[in-house]
Amino acid sequence: MAEIDDRAFSALKDATKDRASNLFRESQYNISDSKDERAAYDVRAYKILADMYEGDRDKKKFKNITFDRYVELLKPSLFEERVLSRKGDKKVGDFFLDIYEGDVDQFKASAMRVNIPETVGE
């Protein structure tokens, strides 16, 4: 039975060697980091998003949106453009890729785990 499972898994893995192969990757955040390391990453992710929020707010890109709502509405494509493009912040992009494997939703969820009162933008 195990041999059949192994062959099925191998066939599925071989069939998805392109972008779909990301289904078989798990982020460092989830598999190898300690609770304290994850907490530190949560704080760093929060600070990154808070800086984006404050920058957009100061540029008047939105009106009367809380930080929580901003994070909820932040599209993955916009986030990726800001951190992964040539004009993006390379340090933030490297952190995002190294720790979260490019998963914007996980990055946002990590940031929102930080217990900081809703003072950003007020």
Protein backbone atom coordinates (compact mmCIF):
# COMPACT_ATOMS: atom_id res chain seq x y z
CA MET A 1 0.00 0.00 0.00
CA ALA A 2 2.82 2.42 0.88
CA GLU A 3 4.46 1.71 -2.48
CA ILE A 4 1.27 2.75 -4.29
CA ASP A 5 1.08 5.95 -2.23
CA ASP A 6 4.73 6.72 -2.97
CA ARG A 7 4.22 6.21 -6.70
CA ALA A 8 1.08 8.37 -6.70
CA PHE A 9 2.84 11.16 -4.81
CA SER A 10 5.87 10.99 -7.12
CA ALA A 11 3.64 11.11 -10.20
CA LEU A 12 1.77 14.13 -8.83
CA LYS A 13 5.03 15.87 -7.92
CA ASP A 14 6.47 15.21 -11.41
CA ALA A 15 3.32 16.46 -13.08
CA THR A 16 3.51 19.78 -11.22
CA LYS A 17 7.17 20.73 -11.62
CA ASP A 18 6.32 24.22 -12.90
CA ARG A 19 4.74 26.95 -10.76
CA ALA A 20 2.30 24.49 -9.26
CA SER A 21 5.22 22.80 -7.53
CA ASN A 22 4.92 25.51 -4.90
CA LEU A 23 2.11 23.37 -3.51
CA PHE A 24 4.79 21.08 -2.13
CA ARG A 25 6.84 23.81 -0.46
CA GLU A 26 6.27 25.05 3.04
CA SER A 27 7.71 28.25 4.41
CA GLN A 28 10.53 28.50 6.92
CA TYR A 29 8.05 30.34 9.17
CA ASN A 30 5.87 27.22 9.38
CA ILE A 31 8.34 24.38 9.49
CA SER A 32 11.59 25.27 11.20
CA ASP A 33 11.34 28.42 13.27
CA SER A 34 10.78 28.55 17.00
CA LYS A 35 7.91 30.38 18.64
CA ASP A 36 10.24 33.26 19.54
CA GLU A 37 11.59 33.49 15.99
CA ARG A 38 8.05 33.57 14.59
CA ALA A 39 7.10 36.30 17.07
CA ALA A 40 10.08 38.38 15.88
CA TYR A 41 9.05 37.83 12.25
CA ASP A 42 5.48 38.85 13.12
CA VAL A 43 6.77 42.15 14.51
CA ARG A 44 8.96 42.77 11.47
CA ALA A 45 6.08 42.01 9.09
CA TYR A 46 3.85 44.34 11.09
CA LYS A 47 6.38 47.16 10.89
CA ILE A 48 6.75 46.69 7.13
CA LEU A 49 3.00 46.90 6.59
CA ALA A 50 2.65 49.79 9.04
CA ASP A 51 5.29 51.72 7.08
CA MET A 52 3.44 51.00 3.81
CA TYR A 53 0.18 52.12 5.38
CA GLU A 54 1.66 55.34 6.72
CA GLY A 55 3.41 56.09 3.41
CA ASP A 56 0.21 55.59 1.42
CA ARG A 57 -1.78 57.60 3.94
CA ASP A 58 0.73 60.46 3.78
CA LYS A 59 0.52 60.40 -0.02
CA LYS A 60 -3.28 60.59 0.37
CA LYS A 61 -3.86 57.33 -1.52
CA PHE A 62 -6.92 56.67 0.66
CA LYS A 63 -9.11 58.40 3.17
CA ASN A 64 -10.36 57.18 6.55
CA ILE A 65 -9.14 53.59 6.34
CA THR A 66 -7.84 51.85 9.45
CA PHE A 67 -4.63 49.87 9.37
CA ASP A 68 -6.54 46.59 9.72
CA ARG A 69 -8.73 47.45 6.75
CA TYR A 70 -5.68 48.54 4.73
CA VAL A 71 -4.01 45.16 5.31
CA GLU A 72 -7.24 43.38 4.42
CA LEU A 73 -7.53 45.31 1.14
CA LEU A 74 -3.83 45.16 0.20
CA LYS A 75 -3.64 43.15 -3.01
CA PRO A 76 -0.85 40.60 -3.31
CA SER A 77 0.16 42.04 -6.67
CA LEU A 78 0.65 45.53 -5.20
CA PHE A 79 2.62 44.19 -2.24
CA GLU A 80 4.82 42.07 -4.51
CA GLU A 81 5.41 45.04 -6.83
CA ARG A 82 6.58 47.14 -3.90
CA VAL A 83 8.96 44.58 -2.47
CA LEU A 84 10.04 42.42 -5.41
CA SER A 85 10.30 44.82 -8.34
CA ARG A 86 13.54 46.54 -9.31
CA LYS A 87 12.32 49.66 -7.53
CA GLY A 88 11.23 47.64 -4.51
CA ASP A 89 12.92 47.32 -1.17
CA LYS A 90 15.41 44.46 -1.65
CA LYS A 91 15.80 43.78 2.09
CA VAL A 92 12.05 43.50 2.54
CA GLY A 93 11.77 41.37 -0.59
CA ASP A 94 14.48 39.00 0.63
CA PHE A 95 12.82 38.72 4.06
CA PHE A 96 9.45 38.06 2.41
CA LEU A 97 10.84 35.34 0.13
CA ASP A 98 13.18 33.74 2.67
CA ILE A 99 10.73 33.51 5.56
CA TYR A 100 7.31 33.35 3.87
CA GLU A 101 8.24 31.72 0.52
CA GLY A 102 6.41 34.53 -1.31
CA ASP A 103 3.05 33.89 0.38
CA VAL A 104 1.46 37.33 0.81
CA ASP A 105 -1.51 36.02 2.77
CA GLN A 106 0.78 34.33 5.28
CA PHE A 107 2.88 37.50 5.52
CA LYS A 108 -0.22 39.59 6.25
CA ALA A 109 -1.54 37.04 8.78
CA SER A 110 1.84 37.04 10.51
CA ALA A 111 1.79 40.83 10.80
CA MET A 112 -1.71 40.80 12.23
CA ARG A 113 -0.66 38.43 15.05
CA VAL A 114 1.17 41.31 16.71
CA ASN A 115 -0.78 42.66 19.66
CA ILE A 116 -0.35 46.36 19.09
CA PRO A 117 -3.34 48.62 19.78
CA GLU A 118 -4.95 50.22 16.72
CA THR A 119 -2.90 53.42 16.84
CA VAL A 120 -1.41 53.29 13.38
CA GLY A 121 -2.95 56.09 11.36
CA GLU A 122 -4.73 57.78 14.21
